[in-house]
Amino acid sequence: MVHKVLFWSGLGVGVRLWQLGIEMRPLFNRESLWVYPVYAGIGGSFGYWLMGVEHRQYKMLADRRDALLEKRARRKEREEAAKQEA
């Protein structure tokens, strides 16, 4: 869990460094150091949101898998019952 938030936080800082590189401005200007934690926070919050999305998708896939397995079991029981009656 933490690794995804840290990755996206690092990516946010990387985006800030890339932005300053494109603008050809100094990377560590004393007046603009406060912006790095903001970019890290935005990236980290995106990573946290993405973890929630992933968790919901895994839960939905597990529920769907369970429903399909139950459906297959019911069909197998019906086929066996029909085979025994015939």
PDB file of N, CA and C in Angstrom:
ATOM      1  N   MET A   1       0.824  -1.184   0.000  1.00  0.00           N
ATOM      2  CA  MET A   1       0.000   0.000   0.000  1.00  0.00           C
ATOM      3  C   MET A   1       0.871   1.252   0.000  1.00  0.00           C
ATOM      4  N   VAL A   2       1.830   1.300   0.875  1.00  0.00           N
ATOM      5  CA  VAL A   2       2.653   2.492   1.015  1.00  0.00           C
ATOM      6  C   VAL A   2       3.524   2.699  -0.225  1.00  0.00           C
ATOM      7  N   HIS A   3       3.932   1.603  -0.861  1.00  0.00           N
ATOM      8  CA  HIS A   3       4.825   1.746  -1.997  1.00  0.00           C
ATOM      9  C   HIS A   3       4.160   2.490  -3.151  1.00  0.00           C
ATOM     10  N   LYS A   4       2.853   2.319  -3.316  1.00  0.00           N
ATOM     11  CA  LYS A   4       2.173   3.029  -4.403  1.00  0.00           C
ATOM     12  C   LYS A   4       2.076   4.525  -4.105  1.00  0.00           C
ATOM     13  N   VAL A   5       1.784   4.866  -2.864  1.00  0.00           N
ATOM     14  CA  VAL A   5       1.698   6.278  -2.490  1.00  0.00           C
ATOM     15  C   VAL A   5       3.071   6.939  -2.625  1.00  0.00           C
ATOM     16  N   LEU A   6       4.113   6.237  -2.179  1.00  0.00           N
ATOM     17  CA  LEU A   6       5.472   6.791  -2.299  1.00  0.00           C
ATOM     18  C   LEU A   6       5.885   6.939  -3.757  1.00  0.00           C
ATOM     19  N   PHE A   7       5.533   5.956  -4.588  1.00  0.00           N
ATOM     20  CA  PHE A   7       5.863   6.054  -6.009  1.00  0.00           C
ATOM     21  C   PHE A   7       5.212   7.279  -6.641  1.00  0.00           C
ATOM     22  N   TRP A   8       3.916   7.454  -6.398  1.00  0.00           N
ATOM     23  CA  TRP A   8       3.215   8.581  -7.011  1.00  0.00           C
ATOM     24  C   TRP A   8       3.664   9.911  -6.417  1.00  0.00           C
ATOM     25  N   SER A   9       4.064   9.924  -5.153  1.00  0.00           N
ATOM     26  CA  SER A   9       4.631  11.145  -4.568  1.00  0.00           C
ATOM     27  C   SER A   9       5.939  11.492  -5.260  1.00  0.00           C
ATOM     28  N   GLY A  10       6.780  10.499  -5.458  1.00  0.00           N
ATOM     29  CA  GLY A  10       8.036  10.720  -6.170  1.00  0.00           C
ATOM     30  C   GLY A  10       7.806  11.168  -7.596  1.00  0.00           C
ATOM     31  N   LEU A  11       6.782  10.617  -8.227  1.00  0.00           N
ATOM     32  CA  LEU A  11       6.466  11.052  -9.585  1.00  0.00           C
ATOM     33  C   LEU A  11       6.010  12.512  -9.593  1.00  0.00           C
ATOM     34  N   GLY A  12       5.278  12.917  -8.560  1.00  0.00           N
ATOM     35  CA  GLY A  12       4.864  14.320  -8.465  1.00  0.00           C
ATOM     36  C   GLY A  12       6.059  15.250  -8.351  1.00  0.00           C
ATOM     37  N   VAL A  13       7.041  14.871  -7.549  1.00  0.00           N
ATOM     38  CA  VAL A  13       8.264  15.680  -7.431  1.00  0.00           C
ATOM     39  C   VAL A  13       9.012  15.666  -8.752  1.00  0.00           C
ATOM     40  N   GLY A  14       9.042  14.514  -9.413  1.00  0.00           N
ATOM     41  CA  GLY A  14       9.688  14.418 -10.718  1.00  0.00           C
ATOM     42  C   GLY A  14       9.041  15.317 -11.759  1.00  0.00           C
ATOM     43  N   VAL A  15       7.728  15.418 -11.702  1.00  0.00           N
ATOM     44  CA  VAL A  15       7.013  16.306 -12.625  1.00  0.00           C
ATOM     45  C   VAL A  15       7.408  17.756 -12.378  1.00  0.00           C
ATOM     46  N   ARG A  16       7.551  18.119 -11.101  1.00  0.00           N
ATOM     47  CA  ARG A  16       7.969  19.495 -10.774  1.00  0.00           C
ATOM     48  C   ARG A  16       9.383  19.766 -11.302  1.00  0.00           C
ATOM     49  N   LEU A  17      10.286  18.789 -11.123  1.00  0.00           N
ATOM     50  CA  LEU A  17      11.643  18.966 -11.633  1.00  0.00           C
ATOM     51  C   LEU A  17      11.654  19.061 -13.157  1.00  0.00           C
ATOM     52  N   TRP A  18      10.823  18.264 -13.808  1.00  0.00           N
ATOM     53  CA  TRP A  18      10.718  18.290 -15.261  1.00  0.00           C
ATOM     54  C   TRP A  18      10.180  19.644 -15.726  1.00  0.00           C
ATOM     55  N   GLN A  19       9.170  20.149 -15.020  1.00  0.00           N
ATOM     56  CA  GLN A  19       8.599  21.451 -15.358  1.00  0.00           C
ATOM     57  C   GLN A  19       9.655  22.540 -15.272  1.00  0.00           C
ATOM     58  N   LEU A  20      10.432  22.549 -14.190  1.00  0.00           N
ATOM     59  CA  LEU A  20      11.469  23.566 -14.038  1.00  0.00           C
ATOM     60  C   LEU A  20      12.574  23.383 -15.084  1.00  0.00           C
ATOM     61  N   GLY A  21      12.870  22.148 -15.451  1.00  0.00           N
ATOM     62  CA  GLY A  21      13.860  21.900 -16.487  1.00  0.00           C
ATOM     63  C   GLY A  21      13.419  22.418 -17.834  1.00  0.00           C
ATOM     64  N   ILE A  22      12.145  22.248 -18.161  1.00  0.00           N
ATOM     65  CA  ILE A  22      11.622  22.767 -19.431  1.00  0.00           C
ATOM     66  C   ILE A  22      11.689  24.288 -19.444  1.00  0.00           C
ATOM     67  N   GLU A  23      11.366  24.908 -18.311  1.00  0.00           N
ATOM     68  CA  GLU A  23      11.399  26.370 -18.222  1.00  0.00           C
ATOM     69  C   GLU A  23      12.816  26.910 -18.051  1.00  0.00           C
ATOM     70  N   MET A  24      13.799  26.001 -17.889  1.00  0.00           N
ATOM     71  CA  MET A  24      15.199  26.369 -17.680  1.00  0.00           C
ATOM     72  C   MET A  24      15.364  27.300 -16.482  1.00  0.00           C
ATOM     73  N   ARG A  25      14.688  26.947 -15.411  1.00  0.00           N
ATOM     74  CA  ARG A  25      14.797  27.696 -14.156  1.00  0.00           C
ATOM     75  C   ARG A  25      15.590  26.874 -13.164  1.00  0.00           C
ATOM     76  N   PRO A  26      16.149  27.490 -12.147  1.00  0.00           N
ATOM     77  CA  PRO A  26      16.900  26.711 -11.139  1.00  0.00           C
ATOM     78  C   PRO A  26      15.976  25.731 -10.411  1.00  0.00           C
ATOM     79  N   LEU A  27      16.502  24.530 -10.158  1.00  0.00           N
ATOM     80  CA  LEU A  27      15.669  23.489  -9.568  1.00  0.00           C
ATOM     81  C   LEU A  27      15.375  23.739  -8.096  1.00  0.00           C
ATOM     82  N   PHE A  28      16.323  24.282  -7.357  1.00  0.00           N
ATOM     83  CA  PHE A  28      16.139  24.473  -5.921  1.00  0.00           C
ATOM     84  C   PHE A  28      16.266  25.944  -5.570  1.00  0.00           C
ATOM     85  N   ASN A  29      15.296  26.728  -5.976  1.00  0.00           N
ATOM     86  CA  ASN A  29      15.243  28.146  -5.642  1.00  0.00           C
ATOM     87  C   ASN A  29      14.621  28.276  -4.249  1.00  0.00           C
ATOM     88  N   ARG A  30      15.218  29.075  -3.410  1.00  0.00           N
ATOM     89  CA  ARG A  30      14.781  29.178  -2.016  1.00  0.00           C
ATOM     90  C   ARG A  30      13.316  29.629  -1.909  1.00  0.00           C
ATOM     91  N   GLU A  31      12.853  30.479  -2.796  1.00  0.00           N
ATOM     92  CA  GLU A  31      11.478  30.986  -2.704  1.00  0.00           C
ATOM     93  C   GLU A  31      10.441  29.964  -3.176  1.00  0.00           C
ATOM     94  N   SER A  32      10.861  28.965  -3.933  1.00  0.00           N
ATOM     95  CA  SER A  32       9.876  28.020  -4.478  1.00  0.00           C
ATOM     96  C   SER A  32      10.047  26.601  -3.940  1.00  0.00           C
ATOM     97  N   LEU A  33      10.735  26.433  -2.841  1.00  0.00           N
ATOM     98  CA  LEU A  33      10.894  25.093  -2.264  1.00  0.00           C
ATOM     99  C   LEU A  33       9.591  24.550  -1.680  1.00  0.00           C
ATOM    100  N   TRP A  34       8.668  25.415  -1.318  1.00  0.00           N
ATOM    101  CA  TRP A  34       7.408  24.974  -0.740  1.00  0.00           C
ATOM    102  C   TRP A  34       6.536  24.224  -1.751  1.00  0.00           C
ATOM    103  N   VAL A  35       6.846  24.369  -3.039  1.00  0.00           N
ATOM    104  CA  VAL A  35       6.020  23.742  -4.072  1.00  0.00           C
ATOM    105  C   VAL A  35       6.258  22.231  -4.146  1.00  0.00           C
ATOM    106  N   TYR A  36       7.461  21.760  -3.806  1.00  0.00           N
ATOM    107  CA  TYR A  36       7.767  20.334  -3.899  1.00  0.00           C
ATOM    108  C   TYR A  36       6.843  19.479  -3.031  1.00  0.00           C
ATOM    109  N   PRO A  37       6.609  19.845  -1.767  1.00  0.00           N
ATOM    110  CA  PRO A  37       5.656  19.042  -0.987  1.00  0.00           C
ATOM    111  C   PRO A  37       4.231  19.085  -1.552  1.00  0.00           C
ATOM    112  N   VAL A  38       3.874  20.186  -2.192  1.00  0.00           N
ATOM    113  CA  VAL A  38       2.541  20.265  -2.805  1.00  0.00           C
ATOM    114  C   VAL A  38       2.428  19.250  -3.936  1.00  0.00           C
ATOM    115  N   TYR A  39       3.434  19.208  -4.812  1.00  0.00           N
ATOM    116  CA  TYR A  39       3.421  18.246  -5.909  1.00  0.00           C
ATOM    117  C   TYR A  39       3.476  16.810  -5.371  1.00  0.00           C
ATOM    118  N   ALA A  40       4.286  16.583  -4.328  1.00  0.00           N
ATOM    119  CA  ALA A  40       4.355  15.253  -3.721  1.00  0.00           C
ATOM    120  C   ALA A  40       3.002  14.878  -3.115  1.00  0.00           C
ATOM    121  N   GLY A  41       2.341  15.825  -2.484  1.00  0.00           N
ATOM    122  CA  GLY A  41       1.020  15.565  -1.905  1.00  0.00           C
ATOM    123  C   GLY A  41      -0.025  15.259  -2.961  1.00  0.00           C
ATOM    124  N   ILE A  42       0.010  15.984  -4.055  1.00  0.00           N
ATOM    125  CA  ILE A  42      -0.937  15.726  -5.146  1.00  0.00           C
ATOM    126  C   ILE A  42      -0.685  14.339  -5.733  1.00  0.00           C
ATOM    127  N   GLY A  43       0.582  14.018  -5.974  1.00  0.00           N
ATOM    128  CA  GLY A  43       0.909  12.693  -6.502  1.00  0.00           C
ATOM    129  C   GLY A  43       0.544  11.589  -5.528  1.00  0.00           C
ATOM    130  N   GLY A  44       0.818  11.787  -4.246  1.00  0.00           N
ATOM    131  CA  GLY A  44       0.480  10.790  -3.235  1.00  0.00           C
ATOM    132  C   GLY A  44      -1.016  10.591  -3.101  1.00  0.00           C
ATOM    133  N   SER A  45      -1.776  11.674  -3.174  1.00  0.00           N
ATOM    134  CA  SER A  45      -3.232  11.529  -3.081  1.00  0.00           C
ATOM    135  C   SER A  45      -3.782  10.806  -4.301  1.00  0.00           C
ATOM    136  N   PHE A  46      -3.180  11.034  -5.468  1.00  0.00           N
ATOM    137  CA  PHE A  46      -3.590  10.288  -6.656  1.00  0.00           C
ATOM    138  C   PHE A  46      -3.285   8.803  -6.480  1.00  0.00           C
ATOM    139  N   GLY A  47      -2.113   8.487  -5.938  1.00  0.00           N
ATOM    140  CA  GLY A  47      -1.762   7.091  -5.691  1.00  0.00           C
ATOM    141  C   GLY A  47      -2.708   6.440  -4.698  1.00  0.00           C
ATOM    142  N   TYR A  48      -3.099   7.169  -3.668  1.00  0.00           N
ATOM    143  CA  TYR A  48      -4.046   6.637  -2.680  1.00  0.00           C
ATOM    144  C   TYR A  48      -5.406   6.386  -3.326  1.00  0.00           C
ATOM    145  N   TRP A  49      -5.855   7.308  -4.166  1.00  0.00           N
ATOM    146  CA  TRP A  49      -7.120   7.131  -4.878  1.00  0.00           C
ATOM    147  C   TRP A  49      -7.045   5.924  -5.802  1.00  0.00           C
ATOM    148  N   LEU A  50      -5.916   5.782  -6.486  1.00  0.00           N
ATOM    149  CA  LEU A  50      -5.730   4.668  -7.406  1.00  0.00           C
ATOM    150  C   LEU A  50      -5.748   3.329  -6.675  1.00  0.00           C
ATOM    151  N   MET A  51      -5.230   3.297  -5.449  1.00  0.00           N
ATOM    152  CA  MET A  51      -5.298   2.074  -4.648  1.00  0.00           C
ATOM    153  C   MET A  51      -6.743   1.703  -4.349  1.00  0.00           C
ATOM    154  N   GLY A  52      -7.571   2.688  -4.053  1.00  0.00           N
ATOM    155  CA  GLY A  52      -8.985   2.426  -3.809  1.00  0.00           C
ATOM    156  C   GLY A  52      -9.684   1.885  -5.038  1.00  0.00           C
ATOM    157  N   VAL A  53      -9.348   2.438  -6.199  1.00  0.00           N
ATOM    158  CA  VAL A  53      -9.926   1.953  -7.453  1.00  0.00           C
ATOM    159  C   VAL A  53      -9.522   0.495  -7.681  1.00  0.00           C
ATOM    160  N   GLU A  54      -8.246   0.203  -7.462  1.00  0.00           N
ATOM    161  CA  GLU A  54      -7.759  -1.165  -7.648  1.00  0.00           C
ATOM    162  C   GLU A  54      -8.449  -2.132  -6.690  1.00  0.00           C
ATOM    163  N   HIS A  55      -8.613  -1.716  -5.451  1.00  0.00           N
ATOM    164  CA  HIS A  55      -9.277  -2.565  -4.467  1.00  0.00           C
ATOM    165  C   HIS A  55     -10.723  -2.861  -4.879  1.00  0.00           C
ATOM    166  N   ARG A  56     -11.442  -1.840  -5.330  1.00  0.00           N
ATOM    167  CA  ARG A  56     -12.827  -2.046  -5.762  1.00  0.00           C
ATOM    168  C   ARG A  56     -12.897  -2.960  -6.978  1.00  0.00           C
ATOM    169  N   GLN A  57     -11.944  -2.822  -7.912  1.00  0.00           N
ATOM    170  CA  GLN A  57     -11.944  -3.686  -9.089  1.00  0.00           C
ATOM    171  C   GLN A  57     -11.666  -5.136  -8.715  1.00  0.00           C
ATOM    172  N   TYR A  58     -10.704  -5.367  -7.821  1.00  0.00           N
ATOM    173  CA  TYR A  58     -10.425  -6.733  -7.375  1.00  0.00           C
ATOM    174  C   TYR A  58     -11.633  -7.340  -6.673  1.00  0.00           C
ATOM    175  N   LYS A  59     -12.333  -6.538  -5.866  1.00  0.00           N
ATOM    176  CA  LYS A  59     -13.522  -7.036  -5.175  1.00  0.00           C
ATOM    177  C   LYS A  59     -14.614  -7.389  -6.181  1.00  0.00           C
ATOM    178  N   MET A  60     -14.815  -6.537  -7.187  1.00  0.00           N
ATOM    179  CA  MET A  60     -15.821  -6.804  -8.200  1.00  0.00           C
ATOM    180  C   MET A  60     -15.478  -8.073  -8.989  1.00  0.00           C
ATOM    181  N   LEU A  61     -14.203  -8.246  -9.332  1.00  0.00           N
ATOM    182  CA  LEU A  61     -13.789  -9.447 -10.057  1.00  0.00           C
ATOM    183  C   LEU A  61     -13.971 -10.703  -9.204  1.00  0.00           C
ATOM    184  N   ALA A  62     -13.664 -10.618  -7.926  1.00  0.00           N
ATOM    185  CA  ALA A  62     -13.841 -11.773  -7.036  1.00  0.00           C
ATOM    186  C   ALA A  62     -15.315 -12.127  -6.899  1.00  0.00           C
ATOM    187  N   ASP A  63     -16.186 -11.124  -6.758  1.00  0.00           N
ATOM    188  CA  ASP A  63     -17.622 -11.378  -6.663  1.00  0.00           C
ATOM    189  C   ASP A  63     -18.142 -12.015  -7.947  1.00  0.00           C
ATOM    190  N   ARG A  64     -17.683 -11.528  -9.077  1.00  0.00           N
ATOM    191  CA  ARG A  64     -18.111 -12.081 -10.367  1.00  0.00           C
ATOM    192  C   ARG A  64     -17.622 -13.522 -10.522  1.00  0.00           C
ATOM    193  N   ARG A  65     -16.375 -13.789 -10.110  1.00  0.00           N
ATOM    194  CA  ARG A  65     -15.840 -15.146 -10.176  1.00  0.00           C
ATOM    195  C   ARG A  65     -16.660 -16.090  -9.313  1.00  0.00           C
ATOM    196  N   ASP A  66     -17.002 -15.654  -8.099  1.00  0.00           N
ATOM    197  CA  ASP A  66     -17.802 -16.493  -7.207  1.00  0.00           C
ATOM    198  C   ASP A  66     -19.186 -16.762  -7.796  1.00  0.00           C
ATOM    199  N   ALA A  67     -19.791 -15.750  -8.388  1.00  0.00           N
ATOM    200  CA  ALA A  67     -21.116 -15.934  -9.001  1.00  0.00           C
ATOM    201  C   ALA A  67     -21.039 -16.930 -10.159  1.00  0.00           C
ATOM    202  N   LEU A  68     -19.998 -16.848 -10.964  1.00  0.00           N
ATOM    203  CA  LEU A  68     -19.854 -17.788 -12.079  1.00  0.00           C
ATOM    204  C   LEU A  68     -19.615 -19.211 -11.588  1.00  0.00           C
ATOM    205  N   LEU A  69     -18.806 -19.370 -10.538  1.00  0.00           N
ATOM    206  CA  LEU A  69     -18.573 -20.708 -10.000  1.00  0.00           C
ATOM    207  C   LEU A  69     -19.851 -21.308  -9.425  1.00  0.00           C
ATOM    208  N   GLU A  70     -20.658 -20.478  -8.753  1.00  0.00           N
ATOM    209  CA  GLU A  70     -21.937 -20.969  -8.235  1.00  0.00           C
ATOM    210  C   GLU A  70     -22.870 -21.368  -9.373  1.00  0.00           C
ATOM    211  N   LYS A  71     -22.885 -20.565 -10.421  1.00  0.00           N
ATOM    212  CA  LYS A  71     -23.735 -20.856 -11.580  1.00  0.00           C
ATOM    213  C   LYS A  71     -23.311 -22.169 -12.235  1.00  0.00           C
ATOM    214  N   ARG A  72     -22.014 -22.392 -12.367  1.00  0.00           N
ATOM    215  CA  ARG A  72     -21.521 -23.643 -12.953  1.00  0.00           C
ATOM    216  C   ARG A  72     -21.883 -24.837 -12.082  1.00  0.00           C
ATOM    217  N   ALA A  73     -21.789 -24.673 -10.765  1.00  0.00           N
ATOM    218  CA  ALA A  73     -22.132 -25.769  -9.853  1.00  0.00           C
ATOM    219  C   ALA A  73     -23.621 -26.116  -9.955  1.00  0.00           C
ATOM    220  N   ARG A  74     -24.465 -25.093 -10.019  1.00  0.00           N
ATOM    221  CA  ARG A  74     -25.907 -25.351 -10.160  1.00  0.00           C
ATOM    222  C   ARG A  74     -26.207 -26.055 -11.474  1.00  0.00           C
ATOM    223  N   ARG A  75     -25.547 -25.641 -12.554  1.00  0.00           N
ATOM    224  CA  ARG A  75     -25.771 -26.267 -13.859  1.00  0.00           C
ATOM    225  C   ARG A  75     -25.312 -27.728 -13.844  1.00  0.00           C
ATOM    226  N   LYS A  76     -24.190 -27.982 -13.198  1.00  0.00           N
ATOM    227  CA  LYS A  76     -23.689 -29.347 -13.106  1.00  0.00           C
ATOM    228  C   LYS A  76     -24.662 -30.227 -12.331  1.00  0.00           C
ATOM    229  N   GLU A  77     -25.232 -29.683 -11.243  1.00  0.00           N
ATOM    230  CA  GLU A  77     -26.217 -30.445 -10.463  1.00  0.00           C
ATOM    231  C   GLU A  77     -27.460 -30.738 -11.289  1.00  0.00           C
ATOM    232  N   ARG A  78     -27.919 -29.751 -12.072  1.00  0.00           N
ATOM    233  CA  ARG A  78     -29.094 -29.971 -12.923  1.00  0.00           C
ATOM    234  C   ARG A  78     -28.813 -31.028 -13.980  1.00  0.00           C
ATOM    235  N   GLU A  79     -27.627 -30.994 -14.583  1.00  0.00           N
ATOM    236  CA  GLU A  79     -27.277 -31.960 -15.605  1.00  0.00           C
ATOM    237  C   GLU A  79     -27.163 -33.366 -15.016  1.00  0.00           C
ATOM    238  N   GLU A  80     -26.594 -33.483 -13.810  1.00  0.00           N
ATOM    239  CA  GLU A  80     -26.500 -34.776 -13.164  1.00  0.00           C
ATOM    240  C   GLU A  80     -27.886 -35.312 -12.783  1.00  0.00           C
ATOM    241  N   ALA A  81     -28.753 -34.406 -12.312  1.00  0.00           N
ATOM    242  CA  ALA A  81     -30.115 -34.827 -11.963  1.00  0.00           C
ATOM    243  C   ALA A  81     -30.878 -35.264 -13.220  1.00  0.00           C
ATOM    244  N   ALA A  82     -30.695 -34.556 -14.307  1.00  0.00           N
ATOM    245  CA  ALA A  82     -31.369 -34.923 -15.563  1.00  0.00           C
ATOM    246  C   ALA A  82     -30.829 -36.246 -16.087  1.00  0.00           C
ATOM    247  N   LYS A  83     -29.535 -36.503 -15.908  1.00  0.00           N
ATOM    248  CA  LYS A  83     -28.912 -37.732 -16.373  1.00  0.00           C
ATOM    249  C   LYS A  83     -29.422 -38.921 -15.561  1.00  0.00           C
ATOM    250  N   GLN A  84     -29.636 -38.719 -14.245  1.00  0.00           N
ATOM    251  CA  GLN A  84     -30.119 -39.791 -13.395  1.00  0.00           C
ATOM    252  C   GLN A  84     -31.574 -40.095 -13.677  1.00  0.00           C
ATOM    253  N   GLU A  85     -32.374 -39.096 -14.045  1.00  0.00           N
ATOM    254  CA  GLU A  85     -33.789 -39.324 -14.344  1.00  0.00           C
ATOM    255  C   GLU A  85     -33.964 -40.057 -15.672  1.00  0.00           C
ATOM    256  N   ALA A  86     -33.048 -39.846 -16.584  1.00  0.00           N
ATOM    257  CA  ALA A  86     -33.202 -40.455 -17.901  1.00  0.00           C
ATOM    258  C   ALA A  86     -32.753 -41.887 -17.962  1.00  0.00           C
TER     259      ALA A  86
END
